[in-house]
């Protein structure tokens, strides 16, 4: 891997790692407990370590060896740390491979702030929703998620740092509307930000309306996979209401597209609502040795240098990679 100072110095020169984020950003919750948001450095806001696609009715920790996952993934996390990453948001939800103890071990080994989540993933026609959930009310689901915040996840004592939900790409179903309402109720009890796997604008705006009906500000909502909506005016409209716009599928082939979207949002005055990440990884228990693992370096080695070449200032780059995410993921109740 490219860990030498030849690759690290250009990134550090662009962003003063460890510089102060918004002083009002508050606290984030990591797998090792609370951390002041102003001390969180550069963020990767949407990534994965382990994902198991077998489905909620079949998933079990016995399908993988935790040590094997650590050995496979640790070099990629160490590379991200050496390139300047301070905080890593692990977005794998319950019933898809969430493993708080695995994440704590990796955090302890790398020094990264790692954040896990609570919530349920309703996309892919509810394949990753436990059968017991379909008869529950929004209040019931919120109680489950809130208990993870109050007592820790699965008797580990490790608390979630945000709420992860997911909906299908078309109009919201009744059950997915229940998931969103449950997330709203949980936010009002915990202050955890809601990150929703969404995609196009229609379900994004439907979710925002449900949150508002529950008294939750759109500032508590991260529109995950917003790059799937090609009408930039929709992204700007959401950002104008307070929604966080997550451009989270960065890879070596689409850096130019992401920069173009950032430039358009910057021109409209909404660079302060942008989040960037790779949606990369991950160890898949169904594949030999976990399968191919895509690392987390493109943001550092390609995107950030390109942003500087395209005229983004150091302050604007700091805004996107330090200030915005530390504010977005800060634990605080956001009411209308």
C-alpha atoms as a PDB file:
ATOM      1  CA  UNK A   1       0.000   0.000   0.000  1.00  0.00           C
ATOM      2  CA  UNK A   2       1.031   3.601  -0.587  1.00  0.00           C
ATOM      3  CA  UNK A   3       1.735   4.676   2.962  1.00  0.00           C
ATOM      4  CA  UNK A   4       4.852   6.774   2.415  1.00  0.00           C
ATOM      5  CA  UNK A   5       5.091  10.478   3.153  1.00  0.00           C
ATOM      6  CA  UNK A   6       5.165  11.035  -0.598  1.00  0.00           C
ATOM      7  CA  UNK A   7       1.429  10.318  -0.575  1.00  0.00           C
ATOM      8  CA  UNK A   8       0.530  11.614   2.867  1.00  0.00           C
ATOM      9  CA  UNK A   9       2.127  15.070   2.749  1.00  0.00           C
ATOM     10  CA  UNK A  10      -0.021  16.545  -0.074  1.00  0.00           C
ATOM     11  CA  UNK A  11      -3.202  15.828   1.873  1.00  0.00           C
ATOM     12  CA  UNK A  12      -1.894  17.165   5.164  1.00  0.00           C
ATOM     13  CA  UNK A  13      -0.683  20.279   3.373  1.00  0.00           C
ATOM     14  CA  UNK A  14      -4.184  20.955   2.100  1.00  0.00           C
ATOM     15  CA  UNK A  15      -5.990  20.284   5.381  1.00  0.00           C
ATOM     16  CA  UNK A  16      -4.520  21.131   8.748  1.00  0.00           C
ATOM     17  CA  UNK A  17      -5.438  17.855  10.426  1.00  0.00           C
ATOM     18  CA  UNK A  18      -6.834  18.364  13.882  1.00  0.00           C
ATOM     19  CA  UNK A  19      -7.866  21.973  13.279  1.00  0.00           C
ATOM     20  CA  UNK A  20     -10.939  23.059  15.145  1.00  0.00           C
ATOM     21  CA  UNK A  21     -14.340  22.177  13.780  1.00  0.00           C
ATOM     22  CA  UNK A  22     -17.453  24.152  14.668  1.00  0.00           C
ATOM     23  CA  UNK A  23     -17.178  24.918  18.375  1.00  0.00           C
ATOM     24  CA  UNK A  24     -20.910  24.269  18.708  1.00  0.00           C
ATOM     25  CA  UNK A  25     -20.704  20.826  17.125  1.00  0.00           C
ATOM     26  CA  UNK A  26     -20.728  19.117  20.536  1.00  0.00           C
ATOM     27  CA  UNK A  27     -19.965  15.421  21.046  1.00  0.00           C
ATOM     28  CA  UNK A  28     -19.916  12.320  18.884  1.00  0.00           C
ATOM     29  CA  UNK A  29     -20.385   8.777  20.196  1.00  0.00           C
ATOM     30  CA  UNK A  30     -17.709   6.298  19.158  1.00  0.00           C
ATOM     31  CA  UNK A  31     -17.339   2.600  19.952  1.00  0.00           C
ATOM     32  CA  UNK A  32     -14.958   3.739  22.693  1.00  0.00           C
ATOM     33  CA  UNK A  33     -17.306   6.322  24.125  1.00  0.00           C
ATOM     34  CA  UNK A  34     -17.941  10.041  23.634  1.00  0.00           C
ATOM     35  CA  UNK A  35     -15.426  12.316  21.911  1.00  0.00           C
ATOM     36  CA  UNK A  36     -15.569  16.079  21.472  1.00  0.00           C
ATOM     37  CA  UNK A  37     -16.516  16.773  17.873  1.00  0.00           C
ATOM     38  CA  UNK A  38     -13.884  19.469  17.533  1.00  0.00           C
ATOM     39  CA  UNK A  39     -11.183  16.818  18.067  1.00  0.00           C
ATOM     40  CA  UNK A  40     -12.292  14.352  15.403  1.00  0.00           C
ATOM     41  CA  UNK A  41     -10.100  15.375  12.436  1.00  0.00           C
ATOM     42  CA  UNK A  42     -10.851  14.330   8.865  1.00  0.00           C
ATOM     43  CA  UNK A  43     -13.880  12.077   8.435  1.00  0.00           C
ATOM     44  CA  UNK A  44     -14.883   9.151   6.281  1.00  0.00           C
ATOM     45  CA  UNK A  45     -18.633   9.431   6.731  1.00  0.00           C
ATOM     46  CA  UNK A  46     -19.959   6.282   5.059  1.00  0.00           C
ATOM     47  CA  UNK A  47     -17.853   3.110   4.935  1.00  0.00           C
ATOM     48  CA  UNK A  48     -18.059  -0.604   5.759  1.00  0.00           C
ATOM     49  CA  UNK A  49     -15.828  -3.193   7.419  1.00  0.00           C
ATOM     50  CA  UNK A  50     -18.009  -6.318   7.382  1.00  0.00           C
ATOM     51  CA  UNK A  51     -21.235  -6.928   5.449  1.00  0.00           C
ATOM     52  CA  UNK A  52     -23.139 -10.225   5.321  1.00  0.00           C
ATOM     53  CA  UNK A  53     -25.884 -10.338   2.684  1.00  0.00           C
ATOM     54  CA  UNK A  54     -27.424 -13.659   3.686  1.00  0.00           C
ATOM     55  CA  UNK A  55     -30.543 -12.037   5.174  1.00  0.00           C
ATOM     56  CA  UNK A  56     -31.995 -11.289   8.585  1.00  0.00           C
ATOM     57  CA  UNK A  57     -33.456 -14.764   9.140  1.00  0.00           C
ATOM     58  CA  UNK A  58     -30.115 -16.511   8.536  1.00  0.00           C
ATOM     59  CA  UNK A  59     -27.414 -14.166   9.749  1.00  0.00           C
ATOM     60  CA  UNK A  60     -25.273 -15.206  12.708  1.00  0.00           C
ATOM     61  CA  UNK A  61     -21.814 -14.243  14.016  1.00  0.00           C
ATOM     62  CA  UNK A  62     -20.699 -17.847  13.525  1.00  0.00           C
ATOM     63  CA  UNK A  63     -20.565 -17.206   9.762  1.00  0.00           C
ATOM     64  CA  UNK A  64     -17.206 -15.449  10.125  1.00  0.00           C
ATOM     65  CA  UNK A  65     -14.088 -15.463  12.257  1.00  0.00           C
ATOM     66  CA  UNK A  66     -13.541 -12.097  13.893  1.00  0.00           C
ATOM     67  CA  UNK A  67      -9.757 -12.441  13.882  1.00  0.00           C
ATOM     68  CA  UNK A  68      -9.785 -13.219  10.153  1.00  0.00           C
ATOM     69  CA  UNK A  69     -11.821 -10.062   9.528  1.00  0.00           C
ATOM     70  CA  UNK A  70      -9.378  -8.001  11.576  1.00  0.00           C
ATOM     71  CA  UNK A  71      -6.363  -9.378   9.716  1.00  0.00           C
ATOM     72  CA  UNK A  72      -8.001  -8.651   6.353  1.00  0.00           C
ATOM     73  CA  UNK A  73      -9.248  -5.144   7.125  1.00  0.00           C
ATOM     74  CA  UNK A  74      -6.644  -3.700   9.488  1.00  0.00           C
ATOM     75  CA  UNK A  75      -4.149  -2.685   6.763  1.00  0.00           C
ATOM     76  CA  UNK A  76      -6.806  -0.656   4.960  1.00  0.00           C
ATOM     77  CA  UNK A  77      -7.771   1.178   8.142  1.00  0.00           C
ATOM     78  CA  UNK A  78      -4.137   1.832   9.013  1.00  0.00           C
ATOM     79  CA  UNK A  79      -3.651   3.303   5.546  1.00  0.00           C
ATOM     80  CA  UNK A  80      -6.645   5.609   6.026  1.00  0.00           C
ATOM     81  CA  UNK A  81      -5.247   6.683   9.397  1.00  0.00           C
ATOM     82  CA  UNK A  82      -1.818   7.402   7.915  1.00  0.00           C
ATOM     83  CA  UNK A  83      -3.389   9.419   5.113  1.00  0.00           C
ATOM     84  CA  UNK A  84      -5.063  11.661   7.681  1.00  0.00           C
ATOM     85  CA  UNK A  85      -8.382  10.083   8.645  1.00  0.00           C
ATOM     86  CA  UNK A  86      -9.397  10.704  12.236  1.00  0.00           C
ATOM     87  CA  UNK A  87     -12.995   9.443  12.298  1.00  0.00           C
ATOM     88  CA  UNK A  88     -14.522   6.497  10.445  1.00  0.00           C
ATOM     89  CA  UNK A  89     -18.302   5.989  10.233  1.00  0.00           C
ATOM     90  CA  UNK A  90     -19.125   2.285   9.852  1.00  0.00           C
ATOM     91  CA  UNK A  91     -22.586   2.115   8.298  1.00  0.00           C
ATOM     92  CA  UNK A  92     -23.341  -1.613   8.429  1.00  0.00           C
ATOM     93  CA  UNK A  93     -26.644  -1.970  10.301  1.00  0.00           C
ATOM     94  CA  UNK A  94     -28.057  -4.704  12.497  1.00  0.00           C
ATOM     95  CA  UNK A  95     -28.913  -7.935  10.638  1.00  0.00           C
ATOM     96  CA  UNK A  96     -26.397  -7.081   7.913  1.00  0.00           C
ATOM     97  CA  UNK A  97     -23.212  -7.724   9.835  1.00  0.00           C
ATOM     98  CA  UNK A  98     -22.956  -5.013  12.475  1.00  0.00           C
ATOM     99  CA  UNK A  99     -20.331  -6.110  15.017  1.00  0.00           C
ATOM    100  CA  UNK A 100     -19.515  -3.524  17.702  1.00  0.00           C
ATOM    101  CA  UNK A 101     -16.787  -5.642  19.316  1.00  0.00           C
ATOM    102  CA  UNK A 102     -15.032  -6.043  15.972  1.00  0.00           C
ATOM    103  CA  UNK A 103     -15.148  -2.285  15.466  1.00  0.00           C
ATOM    104  CA  UNK A 104     -13.814  -1.616  18.953  1.00  0.00           C
ATOM    105  CA  UNK A 105     -10.882  -3.955  18.342  1.00  0.00           C
ATOM    106  CA  UNK A 106     -10.097  -2.126  15.107  1.00  0.00           C
ATOM    107  CA  UNK A 107     -10.427   1.251  16.787  1.00  0.00           C
ATOM    108  CA  UNK A 108      -8.070   0.179  19.551  1.00  0.00           C
ATOM    109  CA  UNK A 109      -5.568  -1.118  16.989  1.00  0.00           C
ATOM    110  CA  UNK A 110      -5.572   1.973  14.759  1.00  0.00           C
ATOM    111  CA  UNK A 111      -6.416   4.922  16.985  1.00  0.00           C
ATOM    112  CA  UNK A 112      -9.304   5.814  14.678  1.00  0.00           C
ATOM    113  CA  UNK A 113     -12.573   7.078  16.084  1.00  0.00           C
ATOM    114  CA  UNK A 114     -15.034   4.476  14.758  1.00  0.00           C
ATOM    115  CA  UNK A 115     -18.785   4.999  14.941  1.00  0.00           C
ATOM    116  CA  UNK A 116     -21.467   2.293  14.727  1.00  0.00           C
ATOM    117  CA  UNK A 117     -25.250   2.594  14.541  1.00  0.00           C
ATOM    118  CA  UNK A 118     -28.714   1.527  15.572  1.00  0.00           C
ATOM    119  CA  UNK A 119     -31.779   1.173  13.334  1.00  0.00           C
ATOM    120  CA  UNK A 120     -33.082  -1.217  10.645  1.00  0.00           C
ATOM    121  CA  UNK A 121     -32.323  -1.477   6.928  1.00  0.00           C
ATOM    122  CA  UNK A 122     -35.503  -1.707   4.865  1.00  0.00           C
ATOM    123  CA  UNK A 123     -34.078  -1.531   1.337  1.00  0.00           C
ATOM    124  CA  UNK A 124     -33.866  -4.630  -0.897  1.00  0.00           C
ATOM    125  CA  UNK A 125     -37.520  -5.349  -0.095  1.00  0.00           C
ATOM    126  CA  UNK A 126     -36.890  -5.787   3.624  1.00  0.00           C
ATOM    127  CA  UNK A 127     -34.483  -8.735   3.251  1.00  0.00           C
ATOM    128  CA  UNK A 128     -32.496  -7.462   6.237  1.00  0.00           C
ATOM    129  CA  UNK A 129     -35.436  -6.811   8.545  1.00  0.00           C
ATOM    130  CA  UNK A 130     -36.126  -9.417  11.258  1.00  0.00           C
ATOM    131  CA  UNK A 131     -39.571 -10.984  10.894  1.00  0.00           C
ATOM    132  CA  UNK A 132     -40.478  -9.833  14.387  1.00  0.00           C
ATOM    133  CA  UNK A 133     -40.261  -6.185  13.285  1.00  0.00           C
ATOM    134  CA  UNK A 134     -43.153  -6.144  10.836  1.00  0.00           C
ATOM    135  CA  UNK A 135     -45.825  -6.258  13.513  1.00  0.00           C
ATOM    136  CA  UNK A 136     -44.226  -3.559  15.614  1.00  0.00           C
ATOM    137  CA  UNK A 137     -45.279   0.062  15.773  1.00  0.00           C
ATOM    138  CA  UNK A 138     -42.927   2.986  15.301  1.00  0.00           C
ATOM    139  CA  UNK A 139     -42.975   3.384  19.067  1.00  0.00           C
ATOM    140  CA  UNK A 140     -41.973  -0.254  19.531  1.00  0.00           C
ATOM    141  CA  UNK A 141     -39.057   0.040  17.117  1.00  0.00           C
ATOM    142  CA  UNK A 142     -37.949   3.293  18.668  1.00  0.00           C
ATOM    143  CA  UNK A 143     -37.874   1.628  22.086  1.00  0.00           C
ATOM    144  CA  UNK A 144     -35.518  -1.070  20.748  1.00  0.00           C
ATOM    145  CA  UNK A 145     -33.181   1.465  19.187  1.00  0.00           C
ATOM    146  CA  UNK A 146     -33.318   3.824  22.154  1.00  0.00           C
ATOM    147  CA  UNK A 147     -32.430   0.970  24.516  1.00  0.00           C
ATOM    148  CA  UNK A 148     -29.268   0.371  22.473  1.00  0.00           C
ATOM    149  CA  UNK A 149     -28.377   4.009  23.058  1.00  0.00           C
ATOM    150  CA  UNK A 150     -29.121   3.877  26.754  1.00  0.00           C
ATOM    151  CA  UNK A 151     -27.664   0.440  27.613  1.00  0.00           C
ATOM    152  CA  UNK A 152     -25.371  -0.407  24.717  1.00  0.00           C
ATOM    153  CA  UNK A 153     -25.693  -2.845  21.821  1.00  0.00           C
ATOM    154  CA  UNK A 154     -26.198  -6.546  22.544  1.00  0.00           C
ATOM    155  CA  UNK A 155     -24.728  -6.506  26.056  1.00  0.00           C
ATOM    156  CA  UNK A 156     -21.437  -5.024  24.826  1.00  0.00           C
ATOM    157  CA  UNK A 157     -21.864  -1.639  26.491  1.00  0.00           C
ATOM    158  CA  UNK A 158     -20.955  -0.078  23.115  1.00  0.00           C
ATOM    159  CA  UNK A 159     -23.350   2.665  22.113  1.00  0.00           C
ATOM    160  CA  UNK A 160     -24.448   3.666  18.608  1.00  0.00           C
ATOM    161  CA  UNK A 161     -23.386   7.032  17.232  1.00  0.00           C
ATOM    162  CA  UNK A 162     -26.214   7.465  14.722  1.00  0.00           C
ATOM    163  CA  UNK A 163     -29.420   5.870  13.406  1.00  0.00           C
ATOM    164  CA  UNK A 164     -29.116   3.927  10.133  1.00  0.00           C
ATOM    165  CA  UNK A 165     -32.271   3.158   8.182  1.00  0.00           C
ATOM    166  CA  UNK A 166     -32.888   2.307   4.531  1.00  0.00           C
ATOM    167  CA  UNK A 167     -35.854   2.570   2.188  1.00  0.00           C
ATOM    168  CA  UNK A 168     -36.551   1.406  -1.346  1.00  0.00           C
ATOM    169  CA  UNK A 169     -35.901   3.752  -4.254  1.00  0.00           C
ATOM    170  CA  UNK A 170     -39.547   4.399  -5.136  1.00  0.00           C
ATOM    171  CA  UNK A 171     -42.307   5.913  -3.030  1.00  0.00           C
ATOM    172  CA  UNK A 172     -42.280   4.889   0.631  1.00  0.00           C
ATOM    173  CA  UNK A 173     -44.207   1.805   1.658  1.00  0.00           C
ATOM    174  CA  UNK A 174     -46.246   1.833   4.851  1.00  0.00           C
ATOM    175  CA  UNK A 175     -43.569  -0.168   6.653  1.00  0.00           C
ATOM    176  CA  UNK A 176     -40.782   2.102   5.462  1.00  0.00           C
ATOM    177  CA  UNK A 177     -42.800   5.088   6.633  1.00  0.00           C
ATOM    178  CA  UNK A 178     -42.940   3.344  10.013  1.00  0.00           C
ATOM    179  CA  UNK A 179     -39.141   2.987   9.984  1.00  0.00           C
ATOM    180  CA  UNK A 180     -38.741   6.706   9.312  1.00  0.00           C
ATOM    181  CA  UNK A 181     -41.185   7.636  12.039  1.00  0.00           C
ATOM    182  CA  UNK A 182     -39.376   5.295  14.445  1.00  0.00           C
ATOM    183  CA  UNK A 183     -36.127   7.043  13.555  1.00  0.00           C
ATOM    184  CA  UNK A 184     -37.735  10.406  14.259  1.00  0.00           C
ATOM    185  CA  UNK A 185     -38.964   9.257  17.677  1.00  0.00           C
ATOM    186  CA  UNK A 186     -35.531   7.826  18.456  1.00  0.00           C
ATOM    187  CA  UNK A 187     -33.822  11.056  17.478  1.00  0.00           C
ATOM    188  CA  UNK A 188     -36.065  13.031  19.827  1.00  0.00           C
ATOM    189  CA  UNK A 189     -35.070  10.703  22.689  1.00  0.00           C
ATOM    190  CA  UNK A 190     -31.353  10.391  21.920  1.00  0.00           C
ATOM    191  CA  UNK A 191     -30.152  13.212  19.672  1.00  0.00           C
ATOM    192  CA  UNK A 192     -28.705  10.672  17.226  1.00  0.00           C
ATOM    193  CA  UNK A 193     -28.571  11.772  13.599  1.00  0.00           C
ATOM    194  CA  UNK A 194     -30.595   9.770  11.052  1.00  0.00           C
ATOM    195  CA  UNK A 195     -28.680   8.483   8.014  1.00  0.00           C
ATOM    196  CA  UNK A 196     -31.046   6.922   5.490  1.00  0.00           C
ATOM    197  CA  UNK A 197     -30.009   4.801   2.503  1.00  0.00           C
ATOM    198  CA  UNK A 198     -32.257   6.510  -0.023  1.00  0.00           C
ATOM    199  CA  UNK A 199     -31.035   7.435  -3.515  1.00  0.00           C
ATOM    200  CA  UNK A 200     -33.555   9.428  -5.585  1.00  0.00           C
ATOM    201  CA  UNK A 201     -35.351  12.568  -4.472  1.00  0.00           C
ATOM    202  CA  UNK A 202     -38.918  11.268  -4.114  1.00  0.00           C
ATOM    203  CA  UNK A 203     -38.322   9.035  -1.069  1.00  0.00           C
ATOM    204  CA  UNK A 204     -35.864  11.577   0.325  1.00  0.00           C
ATOM    205  CA  UNK A 205     -38.469  14.337   0.447  1.00  0.00           C
ATOM    206  CA  UNK A 206     -41.129  11.930   1.710  1.00  0.00           C
ATOM    207  CA  UNK A 207     -38.877  11.057   4.633  1.00  0.00           C
ATOM    208  CA  UNK A 208     -38.230  14.703   5.408  1.00  0.00           C
ATOM    209  CA  UNK A 209     -41.969  15.342   5.556  1.00  0.00           C
ATOM    210  CA  UNK A 210     -42.453  12.512   8.062  1.00  0.00           C
ATOM    211  CA  UNK A 211     -39.644  13.877  10.220  1.00  0.00           C
ATOM    212  CA  UNK A 212     -41.148  17.350  10.163  1.00  0.00           C
ATOM    213  CA  UNK A 213     -44.558  16.008  11.183  1.00  0.00           C
ATOM    214  CA  UNK A 214     -42.849  14.491  14.235  1.00  0.00           C
ATOM    215  CA  UNK A 215     -41.168  17.808  15.026  1.00  0.00           C
ATOM    216  CA  UNK A 216     -37.691  16.769  13.860  1.00  0.00           C
ATOM    217  CA  UNK A 217     -35.654  19.290  11.901  1.00  0.00           C
ATOM    218  CA  UNK A 218     -34.315  18.225   8.487  1.00  0.00           C
ATOM    219  CA  UNK A 219     -30.891  19.072   9.966  1.00  0.00           C
ATOM    220  CA  UNK A 220     -31.099  15.674  11.707  1.00  0.00           C
ATOM    221  CA  UNK A 221     -31.343  13.846   8.352  1.00  0.00           C
ATOM    222  CA  UNK A 222     -28.544  12.609   6.071  1.00  0.00           C
ATOM    223  CA  UNK A 223     -29.659  11.834   2.509  1.00  0.00           C
ATOM    224  CA  UNK A 224     -27.463   8.790   1.797  1.00  0.00           C
ATOM    225  CA  UNK A 225     -26.576   8.048  -1.856  1.00  0.00           C
ATOM    226  CA  UNK A 226     -27.802  11.481  -2.924  1.00  0.00           C
ATOM    227  CA  UNK A 227     -25.581  11.262  -6.006  1.00  0.00           C
ATOM    228  CA  UNK A 228     -28.198   8.885  -7.438  1.00  0.00           C
ATOM    229  CA  UNK A 229     -30.454  11.921  -7.891  1.00  0.00           C
ATOM    230  CA  UNK A 230     -29.251  13.611 -11.093  1.00  0.00           C
ATOM    231  CA  UNK A 231     -31.374  16.743 -10.702  1.00  0.00           C
ATOM    232  CA  UNK A 232     -28.987  18.958  -8.739  1.00  0.00           C
ATOM    233  CA  UNK A 233     -31.781  21.394  -8.008  1.00  0.00           C
ATOM    234  CA  UNK A 234     -33.352  18.692  -5.809  1.00  0.00           C
ATOM    235  CA  UNK A 235     -30.124  18.373  -3.832  1.00  0.00           C
ATOM    236  CA  UNK A 236     -30.003  22.135  -3.398  1.00  0.00           C
ATOM    237  CA  UNK A 237     -33.652  22.234  -2.342  1.00  0.00           C
ATOM    238  CA  UNK A 238     -33.034  19.589   0.314  1.00  0.00           C
ATOM    239  CA  UNK A 239     -29.884  21.330   1.512  1.00  0.00           C
ATOM    240  CA  UNK A 240     -31.782  24.611   1.805  1.00  0.00           C
ATOM    241  CA  UNK A 241     -34.098  22.949   4.325  1.00  0.00           C
ATOM    242  CA  UNK A 242     -31.141  21.682   6.372  1.00  0.00           C
ATOM    243  CA  UNK A 243     -30.704  18.150   4.987  1.00  0.00           C
ATOM    244  CA  UNK A 244     -27.150  16.796   4.776  1.00  0.00           C
ATOM    245  CA  UNK A 245     -26.259  15.779   1.215  1.00  0.00           C
ATOM    246  CA  UNK A 246     -24.132  12.613   1.261  1.00  0.00           C
ATOM    247  CA  UNK A 247     -22.082  11.972  -1.885  1.00  0.00           C
ATOM    248  CA  UNK A 248     -20.850   8.647  -0.624  1.00  0.00           C
ATOM    249  CA  UNK A 249     -19.931   6.393  -3.523  1.00  0.00           C
ATOM    250  CA  UNK A 250     -16.581   7.962  -4.389  1.00  0.00           C
ATOM    251  CA  UNK A 251     -14.298   5.737  -6.443  1.00  0.00           C
ATOM    252  CA  UNK A 252     -11.383   6.179  -8.838  1.00  0.00           C
ATOM    253  CA  UNK A 253     -13.760   6.642 -11.773  1.00  0.00           C
ATOM    254  CA  UNK A 254     -16.189   9.285 -10.533  1.00  0.00           C
ATOM    255  CA  UNK A 255     -14.102  11.913  -8.702  1.00  0.00           C
ATOM    256  CA  UNK A 256     -14.759  14.426 -11.496  1.00  0.00           C
ATOM    257  CA  UNK A 257     -18.527  13.916 -11.215  1.00  0.00           C
ATOM    258  CA  UNK A 258     -18.469  14.431  -7.458  1.00  0.00           C
ATOM    259  CA  UNK A 259     -16.384  17.586  -7.810  1.00  0.00           C
ATOM    260  CA  UNK A 260     -18.853  18.885 -10.398  1.00  0.00           C
ATOM    261  CA  UNK A 261     -21.771  18.330  -8.008  1.00  0.00           C
ATOM    262  CA  UNK A 262     -19.838  20.027  -5.195  1.00  0.00           C
ATOM    263  CA  UNK A 263     -19.122  23.002  -7.449  1.00  0.00           C
ATOM    264  CA  UNK A 264     -22.805  23.381  -8.274  1.00  0.00           C
ATOM    265  CA  UNK A 265     -23.808  23.143  -4.610  1.00  0.00           C
ATOM    266  CA  UNK A 266     -21.037  25.578  -3.707  1.00  0.00           C
ATOM    267  CA  UNK A 267     -22.379  28.058  -6.271  1.00  0.00           C
ATOM    268  CA  UNK A 268     -25.795  27.844  -4.605  1.00  0.00           C
ATOM    269  CA  UNK A 269     -24.285  28.387  -1.152  1.00  0.00           C
ATOM    270  CA  UNK A 270     -24.674  24.833   0.158  1.00  0.00           C
ATOM    271  CA  UNK A 271     -21.123  23.516   0.421  1.00  0.00           C
ATOM    272  CA  UNK A 272     -21.719  23.557   4.179  1.00  0.00           C
ATOM    273  CA  UNK A 273     -24.215  20.689   3.789  1.00  0.00           C
ATOM    274  CA  UNK A 274     -22.020  18.256   1.805  1.00  0.00           C
ATOM    275  CA  UNK A 275     -20.603  14.962   3.111  1.00  0.00           C
ATOM    276  CA  UNK A 276     -18.164  12.805   1.112  1.00  0.00           C
ATOM    277  CA  UNK A 277     -17.188   9.128   1.430  1.00  0.00           C
ATOM    278  CA  UNK A 278     -16.503   5.932  -0.541  1.00  0.00           C
ATOM    279  CA  UNK A 279     -19.120   3.427   0.688  1.00  0.00           C
ATOM    280  CA  UNK A 280     -16.160   1.066   0.408  1.00  0.00           C
ATOM    281  CA  UNK A 281     -14.866  -2.106   2.071  1.00  0.00           C
ATOM    282  CA  UNK A 282     -15.913  -4.859   2.870  1.00  0.00           C
ATOM    283  CA  UNK A 283     -15.348  -8.340   4.230  1.00  0.00           C
ATOM    284  CA  UNK A 284     -18.082 -10.669   2.903  1.00  0.00           C
ATOM    285  CA  UNK A 285     -18.375 -13.963   4.867  1.00  0.00           C
ATOM    286  CA  UNK A 286     -19.876 -15.690   1.822  1.00  0.00           C
ATOM    287  CA  UNK A 287     -16.657 -15.239  -0.166  1.00  0.00           C
ATOM    288  CA  UNK A 288     -13.257 -16.851   0.199  1.00  0.00           C
ATOM    289  CA  UNK A 289     -11.106 -14.783   2.562  1.00  0.00           C
ATOM    290  CA  UNK A 290     -13.866 -12.192   2.606  1.00  0.00           C
ATOM    291  CA  UNK A 291     -13.642 -11.446  -1.111  1.00  0.00           C
ATOM    292  CA  UNK A 292     -12.181  -8.320  -2.681  1.00  0.00           C
ATOM    293  CA  UNK A 293     -11.804  -5.346  -0.353  1.00  0.00           C
ATOM    294  CA  UNK A 294     -11.911  -1.813  -1.744  1.00  0.00           C
ATOM    295  CA  UNK A 295      -9.882   0.564   0.388  1.00  0.00           C
ATOM    296  CA  UNK A 296     -10.500   4.083   1.632  1.00  0.00           C
ATOM    297  CA  UNK A 297      -7.725   6.068  -0.038  1.00  0.00           C
ATOM    298  CA  UNK A 298      -9.333   7.681  -3.110  1.00  0.00           C
ATOM    299  CA  UNK A 299     -10.589  10.656  -1.135  1.00  0.00           C
ATOM    300  CA  UNK A 300      -7.092  11.438   0.104  1.00  0.00           C
ATOM    301  CA  UNK A 301      -4.976  10.531  -2.905  1.00  0.00           C
ATOM    302  CA  UNK A 302      -7.247  11.749  -5.703  1.00  0.00           C
ATOM    303  CA  UNK A 303     -10.316  13.763  -4.715  1.00  0.00           C
ATOM    304  CA  UNK A 304      -8.782  16.266  -2.294  1.00  0.00           C
ATOM    305  CA  UNK A 305      -5.811  17.111  -4.567  1.00  0.00           C
ATOM    306  CA  UNK A 306      -8.246  17.508  -7.477  1.00  0.00           C
ATOM    307  CA  UNK A 307     -10.427  19.845  -5.415  1.00  0.00           C
ATOM    308  CA  UNK A 308      -7.420  22.084  -4.814  1.00  0.00           C
ATOM    309  CA  UNK A 309      -6.637  22.063  -8.529  1.00  0.00           C
ATOM    310  CA  UNK A 310     -10.240  23.037  -9.270  1.00  0.00           C
ATOM    311  CA  UNK A 311     -10.036  26.095  -7.026  1.00  0.00           C
ATOM    312  CA  UNK A 312     -11.474  24.911  -3.726  1.00  0.00           C
ATOM    313  CA  UNK A 313      -9.731  26.757  -0.915  1.00  0.00           C
ATOM    314  CA  UNK A 314      -8.183  25.132   2.136  1.00  0.00           C
ATOM    315  CA  UNK A 315     -11.040  26.511   4.217  1.00  0.00           C
ATOM    316  CA  UNK A 316     -13.631  24.990   1.877  1.00  0.00           C
ATOM    317  CA  UNK A 317     -11.905  21.608   1.913  1.00  0.00           C
ATOM    318  CA  UNK A 318     -11.770  21.744   5.700  1.00  0.00           C
ATOM    319  CA  UNK A 319     -15.493  22.590   5.662  1.00  0.00           C
ATOM    320  CA  UNK A 320     -16.362  19.448   3.706  1.00  0.00           C
ATOM    321  CA  UNK A 321     -14.109  16.927   5.430  1.00  0.00           C
ATOM    322  CA  UNK A 322     -13.911  18.204   9.011  1.00  0.00           C
ATOM    323  CA  UNK A 323     -16.509  20.809   9.916  1.00  0.00           C
ATOM    324  CA  UNK A 324     -19.536  19.380   8.095  1.00  0.00           C
ATOM    325  CA  UNK A 325     -19.308  15.774   9.336  1.00  0.00           C
ATOM    326  CA  UNK A 326     -18.472  16.713  12.907  1.00  0.00           C
ATOM    327  CA  UNK A 327     -21.603  18.870  12.949  1.00  0.00           C
ATOM    328  CA  UNK A 328     -23.746  16.316  11.113  1.00  0.00           C
ATOM    329  CA  UNK A 329     -22.920  13.453  13.487  1.00  0.00           C
ATOM    330  CA  UNK A 330     -22.904  15.433  16.720  1.00  0.00           C
ATOM    331  CA  UNK A 331     -25.327  14.034  19.251  1.00  0.00           C
ATOM    332  CA  UNK A 332     -27.951  16.702  19.847  1.00  0.00           C
ATOM    333  CA  UNK A 333     -31.699  16.866  19.498  1.00  0.00           C
ATOM    334  CA  UNK A 334     -32.711  18.979  16.495  1.00  0.00           C
ATOM    335  CA  UNK A 335     -36.324  20.119  16.662  1.00  0.00           C
ATOM    336  CA  UNK A 336     -38.174  22.311  14.218  1.00  0.00           C
END
